[in-house]
C-alpha atoms as a PDB file:
ATOM      1  CA  UNK A   1     100.729-225.120 115.334  1.00  0.00           C
ATOM      2  CA  UNK A   2     103.309-222.868 116.925  1.00  0.00           C
ATOM      3  CA  UNK A   3     106.782-221.943 115.768  1.00  0.00           C
ATOM      4  CA  UNK A   4     109.927-221.933 118.054  1.00  0.00           C
ATOM      5  CA  UNK A   5     112.645-219.766 118.428  1.00  0.00           C
ATOM      6  CA  UNK A   6     116.253-220.863 119.281  1.00  0.00           C
ATOM      7  CA  UNK A   7     119.518-219.269 120.151  1.00  0.00           C
ATOM      8  CA  UNK A   8     123.158-220.540 120.356  1.00  0.00           C
ATOM      9  CA  UNK A   9     124.588-219.600 123.658  1.00  0.00           C
ATOM     10  CA  UNK A  10     127.625-220.642 125.572  1.00  0.00           C
ATOM     11  CA  UNK A  11     125.734-221.943 128.379  1.00  0.00           C
ATOM     12  CA  UNK A  12     122.074-222.464 129.591  1.00  0.00           C
ATOM     13  CA  UNK A  13     121.964-219.230 131.815  1.00  0.00           C
ATOM     14  CA  UNK A  14     119.677-216.092 131.490  1.00  0.00           C
ATOM     15  CA  UNK A  15     122.861-213.824 131.092  1.00  0.00           C
ATOM     16  CA  UNK A  16     124.251-215.933 128.189  1.00  0.00           C
ATOM     17  CA  UNK A  17     120.769-216.555 126.383  1.00  0.00           C
ATOM     18  CA  UNK A  18     120.116-212.745 126.403  1.00  0.00           C
ATOM     19  CA  UNK A  19     123.556-212.084 125.025  1.00  0.00           C
ATOM     20  CA  UNK A  20     122.889-214.463 122.265  1.00  0.00           C
ATOM     21  CA  UNK A  21     119.709-212.773 121.413  1.00  0.00           C
ATOM     22  CA  UNK A  22     121.783-209.264 121.341  1.00  0.00           C
ATOM     23  CA  UNK A  23     124.360-210.572 118.998  1.00  0.00           C
ATOM     24  CA  UNK A  24     121.319-212.015 116.669  1.00  0.00           C
ATOM     25  CA  UNK A  25     122.809-215.536 116.795  1.00  0.00           C
ATOM     26  CA  UNK A  26     119.290-216.957 116.339  1.00  0.00           C
ATOM     27  CA  UNK A  27     117.101-219.238 114.480  1.00  0.00           C
ATOM     28  CA  UNK A  28     113.647-220.406 114.213  1.00  0.00           C
ATOM     29  CA  UNK A  29     111.501-223.183 113.201  1.00  0.00           C
ATOM     30  CA  UNK A  30     107.855-223.785 112.172  1.00  0.00           C
ATOM     31  CA  UNK A  31     107.441-226.044 115.199  1.00  0.00           C
ATOM     32  CA  UNK A  32     109.616-229.227 115.146  1.00  0.00           C
ATOM     33  CA  UNK A  33     113.094-229.072 116.800  1.00  0.00           C
ATOM     34  CA  UNK A  34     115.363-228.632 113.884  1.00  0.00           C
ATOM     35  CA  UNK A  35     119.012-227.302 114.597  1.00  0.00           C
ATOM     36  CA  UNK A  36     120.661-225.070 112.268  1.00  0.00           C
ATOM     37  CA  UNK A  37     123.950-223.056 112.505  1.00  0.00           C
ATOM     38  CA  UNK A  38     125.356-220.787 109.642  1.00  0.00           C
ATOM     39  CA  UNK A  39     128.782-219.011 109.535  1.00  0.00           C
ATOM     40  CA  UNK A  40     130.292-216.846 106.894  1.00  0.00           C
ATOM     41  CA  UNK A  41     134.118-215.842 106.394  1.00  0.00           C
ATOM     42  CA  UNK A  42     137.061-216.540 104.096  1.00  0.00           C
ATOM     43  CA  UNK A  43     138.825-219.969 103.383  1.00  0.00           C
ATOM     44  CA  UNK A  44     136.369-222.208 104.667  1.00  0.00           C
ATOM     45  CA  UNK A  45     136.740-225.385 102.683  1.00  0.00           C
ATOM     46  CA  UNK A  46     135.352-229.102 102.594  1.00  0.00           C
ATOM     47  CA  UNK A  47     138.343-229.890 104.974  1.00  0.00           C
ATOM     48  CA  UNK A  48     137.005-227.300 107.657  1.00  0.00           C
ATOM     49  CA  UNK A  49     133.851-228.872 107.357  1.00  0.00           C
ATOM     50  CA  UNK A  50     135.265-232.424 108.144  1.00  0.00           C
ATOM     51  CA  UNK A  51     137.518-231.000 110.925  1.00  0.00           C
ATOM     52  CA  UNK A  52     136.765-231.788 114.591  1.00  0.00           C
ATOM     53  CA  UNK A  53     137.163-228.502 115.536  1.00  0.00           C
ATOM     54  CA  UNK A  54     135.041-226.885 112.844  1.00  0.00           C
ATOM     55  CA  UNK A  55     133.144-224.879 115.289  1.00  0.00           C
ATOM     56  CA  UNK A  56     136.294-223.280 116.846  1.00  0.00           C
ATOM     57  CA  UNK A  57     137.742-222.648 113.152  1.00  0.00           C
ATOM     58  CA  UNK A  58     134.257-220.969 112.225  1.00  0.00           C
ATOM     59  CA  UNK A  59     134.309-218.726 115.035  1.00  0.00           C
ATOM     60  CA  UNK A  60     137.799-217.592 114.731  1.00  0.00           C
ATOM     61  CA  UNK A  61     138.084-217.435 111.120  1.00  0.00           C
ATOM     62  CA  UNK A  62     134.452-216.211 110.390  1.00  0.00           C
ATOM     63  CA  UNK A  63     131.420-214.452 111.697  1.00  0.00           C
ATOM     64  CA  UNK A  64     127.991-216.478 112.745  1.00  0.00           C
ATOM     65  CA  UNK A  65     124.554-215.559 111.884  1.00  0.00           C
ATOM     66  CA  UNK A  66     123.296-212.319 112.789  1.00  0.00           C
ATOM     67  CA  UNK A  67     126.784-210.634 112.121  1.00  0.00           C
ATOM     68  CA  UNK A  68     128.186-208.298 109.437  1.00  0.00           C
ATOM     69  CA  UNK A  69     130.767-210.065 107.083  1.00  0.00           C
ATOM     70  CA  UNK A  70     133.140-207.473 105.946  1.00  0.00           C
ATOM     71  CA  UNK A  71     135.391-207.626 102.521  1.00  0.00           C
ATOM     72  CA  UNK A  72     138.562-208.881 102.736  1.00  0.00           C
ATOM     73  CA  UNK A  73     140.792-207.747  99.696  1.00  0.00           C
ATOM     74  CA  UNK A  74     139.846-209.541  96.548  1.00  0.00           C
ATOM     75  CA  UNK A  75     138.751-212.770  98.417  1.00  0.00           C
ATOM     76  CA  UNK A  76     135.328-214.170  97.983  1.00  0.00           C
ATOM     77  CA  UNK A  77     133.389-215.417 101.023  1.00  0.00           C
ATOM     78  CA  UNK A  78     132.497-218.723 101.733  1.00  0.00           C
ATOM     79  CA  UNK A  79     129.562-219.790 103.990  1.00  0.00           C
ATOM     80  CA  UNK A  80     129.062-223.131 106.087  1.00  0.00           C
ATOM     81  CA  UNK A  81     125.416-224.321 106.503  1.00  0.00           C
ATOM     82  CA  UNK A  82     124.883-226.962 108.991  1.00  0.00           C
ATOM     83  CA  UNK A  83     121.320-228.650 110.045  1.00  0.00           C
ATOM     84  CA  UNK A  84     120.618-231.771 112.104  1.00  0.00           C
ATOM     85  CA  UNK A  85     116.752-233.232 112.348  1.00  0.00           C
ATOM     86  CA  UNK A  86     114.346-233.348 114.972  1.00  0.00           C
ATOM     87  CA  UNK A  87     114.664-236.649 115.995  1.00  0.00           C
ATOM     88  CA  UNK A  88     111.017-237.066 116.466  1.00  0.00           C
ATOM     89  CA  UNK A  89     109.869-235.367 113.249  1.00  0.00           C
ATOM     90  CA  UNK A  90     110.731-236.132 109.509  1.00  0.00           C
ATOM     91  CA  UNK A  91     114.193-236.398 108.052  1.00  0.00           C
ATOM     92  CA  UNK A  92     115.530-233.443 106.470  1.00  0.00           C
ATOM     93  CA  UNK A  93     115.357-232.946 102.399  1.00  0.00           C
ATOM     94  CA  UNK A  94     117.306-229.789 101.627  1.00  0.00           C
ATOM     95  CA  UNK A  95     119.322-227.030 103.010  1.00  0.00           C
ATOM     96  CA  UNK A  96     119.173-223.567 101.093  1.00  0.00           C
ATOM     97  CA  UNK A  97     120.641-220.357 101.156  1.00  0.00           C
ATOM     98  CA  UNK A  98     118.494-217.286 100.583  1.00  0.00           C
ATOM     99  CA  UNK A  99     120.246-214.463  99.056  1.00  0.00           C
ATOM    100  CA  UNK A 100     118.865-210.830  99.108  1.00  0.00           C
ATOM    101  CA  UNK A 101     120.409-207.619  97.399  1.00  0.00           C
ATOM    102  CA  UNK A 102     119.547-204.230  96.131  1.00  0.00           C
ATOM    103  CA  UNK A 103     120.651-202.593  93.056  1.00  0.00           C
ATOM    104  CA  UNK A 104     119.748-199.222  91.878  1.00  0.00           C
ATOM    105  CA  UNK A 105     117.050-198.966  94.587  1.00  0.00           C
ATOM    106  CA  UNK A 106     115.420-202.423  93.301  1.00  0.00           C
ATOM    107  CA  UNK A 107     115.251-205.539  95.857  1.00  0.00           C
ATOM    108  CA  UNK A 108     116.034-208.772  94.607  1.00  0.00           C
ATOM    109  CA  UNK A 109     116.049-212.175  96.239  1.00  0.00           C
ATOM    110  CA  UNK A 110     117.224-215.647  95.300  1.00  0.00           C
ATOM    111  CA  UNK A 111     116.950-219.309  96.630  1.00  0.00           C
ATOM    112  CA  UNK A 112     120.016-221.506  96.271  1.00  0.00           C
ATOM    113  CA  UNK A 113     119.566-225.319  97.086  1.00  0.00           C
ATOM    114  CA  UNK A 114     123.141-226.076  98.648  1.00  0.00           C
ATOM    115  CA  UNK A 115     122.912-229.462  99.975  1.00  0.00           C
ATOM    116  CA  UNK A 116     120.528-232.704  98.892  1.00  0.00           C
ATOM    117  CA  UNK A 117     119.586-235.363 100.969  1.00  0.00           C
ATOM    118  CA  UNK A 118     120.295-239.119  99.788  1.00  0.00           C
ATOM    119  CA  UNK A 119     123.213-238.371  97.731  1.00  0.00           C
ATOM    120  CA  UNK A 120     121.456-236.262  95.192  1.00  0.00           C
ATOM    121  CA  UNK A 121     123.129-233.088  93.709  1.00  0.00           C
ATOM    122  CA  UNK A 122     122.117-229.702  93.207  1.00  0.00           C
ATOM    123  CA  UNK A 123     121.655-228.578  89.407  1.00  0.00           C
ATOM    124  CA  UNK A 124     124.199-226.307  88.640  1.00  0.00           C
ATOM    125  CA  UNK A 125     121.834-224.322  86.326  1.00  0.00           C
ATOM    126  CA  UNK A 126     118.655-224.358  88.377  1.00  0.00           C
ATOM    127  CA  UNK A 127     120.492-224.543  91.773  1.00  0.00           C
ATOM    128  CA  UNK A 128     117.747-226.869  92.568  1.00  0.00           C
ATOM    129  CA  UNK A 129     118.076-230.273  94.277  1.00  0.00           C
ATOM    130  CA  UNK A 130     115.970-233.192  92.691  1.00  0.00           C
ATOM    131  CA  UNK A 131     112.763-234.409  94.096  1.00  0.00           C
ATOM    132  CA  UNK A 132     113.795-237.346  96.744  1.00  0.00           C
ATOM    133  CA  UNK A 133     110.877-239.113  96.300  1.00  0.00           C
ATOM    134  CA  UNK A 134     109.579-238.581  99.943  1.00  0.00           C
ATOM    135  CA  UNK A 135     105.643-239.104 100.406  1.00  0.00           C
ATOM    136  CA  UNK A 136     103.014-239.259 102.563  1.00  0.00           C
ATOM    137  CA  UNK A 137     100.316-241.700 103.292  1.00  0.00           C
ATOM    138  CA  UNK A 138      97.115-239.702 103.564  1.00  0.00           C
ATOM    139  CA  UNK A 139      95.502-242.644 105.156  1.00  0.00           C
ATOM    140  CA  UNK A 140      97.431-242.655 108.292  1.00  0.00           C
ATOM    141  CA  UNK A 141      99.719-239.896 107.722  1.00  0.00           C
ATOM    142  CA  UNK A 142     102.759-242.188 107.635  1.00  0.00           C
ATOM    143  CA  UNK A 143     105.873-240.831 105.813  1.00  0.00           C
ATOM    144  CA  UNK A 144     108.415-242.563 103.599  1.00  0.00           C
ATOM    145  CA  UNK A 145     111.161-244.509 105.514  1.00  0.00           C
ATOM    146  CA  UNK A 146     114.531-244.600 104.343  1.00  0.00           C
ATOM    147  CA  UNK A 147     114.429-241.300 102.439  1.00  0.00           C
ATOM    148  CA  UNK A 148     115.968-238.109 103.864  1.00  0.00           C
ATOM    149  CA  UNK A 149     118.782-237.134 106.166  1.00  0.00           C
ATOM    150  CA  UNK A 150     119.744-236.870 109.792  1.00  0.00           C
ATOM    151  CA  UNK A 151     121.957-234.182 109.042  1.00  0.00           C
ATOM    152  CA  UNK A 152     122.989-232.119 105.980  1.00  0.00           C
ATOM    153  CA  UNK A 153     126.290-229.650 106.122  1.00  0.00           C
ATOM    154  CA  UNK A 154     127.934-228.012 103.252  1.00  0.00           C
ATOM    155  CA  UNK A 155     130.377-225.253 102.302  1.00  0.00           C
ATOM    156  CA  UNK A 156     128.940-222.771  99.703  1.00  0.00           C
ATOM    157  CA  UNK A 157     130.276-220.036  97.634  1.00  0.00           C
ATOM    158  CA  UNK A 158     128.017-217.631  95.965  1.00  0.00           C
ATOM    159  CA  UNK A 159     128.293-218.270  92.098  1.00  0.00           C
ATOM    160  CA  UNK A 160     126.854-214.729  91.363  1.00  0.00           C
ATOM    161  CA  UNK A 161     129.019-212.737  94.519  1.00  0.00           C
ATOM    162  CA  UNK A 162     129.568-209.027  93.499  1.00  0.00           C
ATOM    163  CA  UNK A 163     131.779-207.435  96.137  1.00  0.00           C
ATOM    164  CA  UNK A 164     130.688-204.049  95.160  1.00  0.00           C
ATOM    165  CA  UNK A 165     126.951-205.058  95.945  1.00  0.00           C
ATOM    166  CA  UNK A 166     125.481-204.823  99.918  1.00  0.00           C
ATOM    167  CA  UNK A 167     123.867-208.436 100.377  1.00  0.00           C
ATOM    168  CA  UNK A 168     122.286-210.651 103.118  1.00  0.00           C
ATOM    169  CA  UNK A 169     122.243-214.605 103.232  1.00  0.00           C
ATOM    170  CA  UNK A 170     120.465-216.836 105.521  1.00  0.00           C
ATOM    171  CA  UNK A 171     119.848-220.377 105.599  1.00  0.00           C
ATOM    172  CA  UNK A 172     116.630-222.465 105.271  1.00  0.00           C
ATOM    173  CA  UNK A 173     116.220-226.246 106.052  1.00  0.00           C
ATOM    174  CA  UNK A 174     113.437-228.110 104.969  1.00  0.00           C
ATOM    175  CA  UNK A 175     112.075-231.438 106.255  1.00  0.00           C
ATOM    176  CA  UNK A 176     110.370-234.381 104.278  1.00  0.00           C
ATOM    177  CA  UNK A 177     106.523-233.832 103.706  1.00  0.00           C
ATOM    178  CA  UNK A 178     104.458-234.428 106.745  1.00  0.00           C
ATOM    179  CA  UNK A 179     100.776-234.275 107.214  1.00  0.00           C
ATOM    180  CA  UNK A 180      99.188-230.701 107.999  1.00  0.00           C
ATOM    181  CA  UNK A 181      97.479-230.413 111.190  1.00  0.00           C
ATOM    182  CA  UNK A 182      94.020-230.232 109.422  1.00  0.00           C
ATOM    183  CA  UNK A 183      94.608-233.325 107.902  1.00  0.00           C
ATOM    184  CA  UNK A 184      95.522-235.212 111.214  1.00  0.00           C
ATOM    185  CA  UNK A 185      92.387-233.623 112.873  1.00  0.00           C
ATOM    186  CA  UNK A 186      90.176-234.786 109.958  1.00  0.00           C
ATOM    187  CA  UNK A 187      91.499-238.418 110.334  1.00  0.00           C
ATOM    188  CA  UNK A 188      91.278-238.139 114.126  1.00  0.00           C
ATOM    189  CA  UNK A 189      87.627-237.476 113.606  1.00  0.00           C
ATOM    190  CA  UNK A 190      87.035-240.100 110.788  1.00  0.00           C
ATOM    191  CA  UNK A 191      86.440-237.126 108.310  1.00  0.00           C
ATOM    192  CA  UNK A 192      88.049-236.993 104.790  1.00  0.00           C
ATOM    193  CA  UNK A 193      90.539-233.882 104.803  1.00  0.00           C
ATOM    194  CA  UNK A 194      89.272-230.792 103.274  1.00  0.00           C
ATOM    195  CA  UNK A 195      90.229-230.436  99.849  1.00  0.00           C
ATOM    196  CA  UNK A 196      90.432-226.634  99.909  1.00  0.00           C
ATOM    197  CA  UNK A 197      93.426-227.193 102.593  1.00  0.00           C
ATOM    198  CA  UNK A 198      96.847-228.482 101.672  1.00  0.00           C
ATOM    199  CA  UNK A 199      96.973-232.057 102.777  1.00  0.00           C
ATOM    200  CA  UNK A 200     100.792-231.928 103.680  1.00  0.00           C
ATOM    201  CA  UNK A 201     103.374-229.298 104.878  1.00  0.00           C
ATOM    202  CA  UNK A 202     107.138-229.169 104.943  1.00  0.00           C
ATOM    203  CA  UNK A 203     108.374-228.148 108.399  1.00  0.00           C
ATOM    204  CA  UNK A 204     111.399-225.926 108.358  1.00  0.00           C
ATOM    205  CA  UNK A 205     114.007-223.861 110.162  1.00  0.00           C
ATOM    206  CA  UNK A 206     115.795-220.507 109.107  1.00  0.00           C
ATOM    207  CA  UNK A 207     118.369-218.502 110.673  1.00  0.00           C
ATOM    208  CA  UNK A 208     119.400-214.967 111.020  1.00  0.00           C
ATOM    209  CA  UNK A 209     121.066-213.494 108.171  1.00  0.00           C
ATOM    210  CA  UNK A 210     124.623-212.569 107.654  1.00  0.00           C
ATOM    211  CA  UNK A 211     124.845-209.230 105.774  1.00  0.00           C
ATOM    212  CA  UNK A 212     127.976-208.684 103.667  1.00  0.00           C
ATOM    213  CA  UNK A 213     128.732-204.948 103.711  1.00  0.00           C
ATOM    214  CA  UNK A 214     131.133-203.645 100.833  1.00  0.00           C
ATOM    215  CA  UNK A 215     133.946-201.342 101.803  1.00  0.00           C
ATOM    216  CA  UNK A 216     131.969-198.361 100.111  1.00  0.00           C
ATOM    217  CA  UNK A 217     128.637-199.871 101.510  1.00  0.00           C
END
């Protein structure tokens, strides 16, 4: 019932882990061991995503989560989002990028689904993935088989990007639905789950943001 914090460190040492915290290359989950990475830069493409040296290229030509992304002439930034499932939990359902920005003192946020499981495509109008049909059997908490993804990875460009506006972006990844802890407890004790509690949840992970800072911001 508790969350987990993670960092991307060069090695498993106290110094390296503290350095990762200092540069904010961190992520968190609601309890499962999903792994997620996020980079922003210029010139990332699908071929970048498929390259064997993708991570080296992402660090060399961009910035990781927790960093500032500065403008580059008239270029529009692109983002690499990548998540892998916890092998002991449910498959992944969708990968999202959440954008926040402020105009005239008013804060705005918007959610973009950027990668869908099961070969589904993001609707270009709603920016949402279709339902992949994953379900939970509330009699024993078993979940759908053969639905969802072990990995979701994409390059995304903000369709509403404004180079004059400060913005932040972070990744969120959602698993297929699973039983909520209260449902597990009820079944274990032989009771029907309480109707006033949600029967299922979607475990998730989310990254530190990348902040886009305009030349005048």
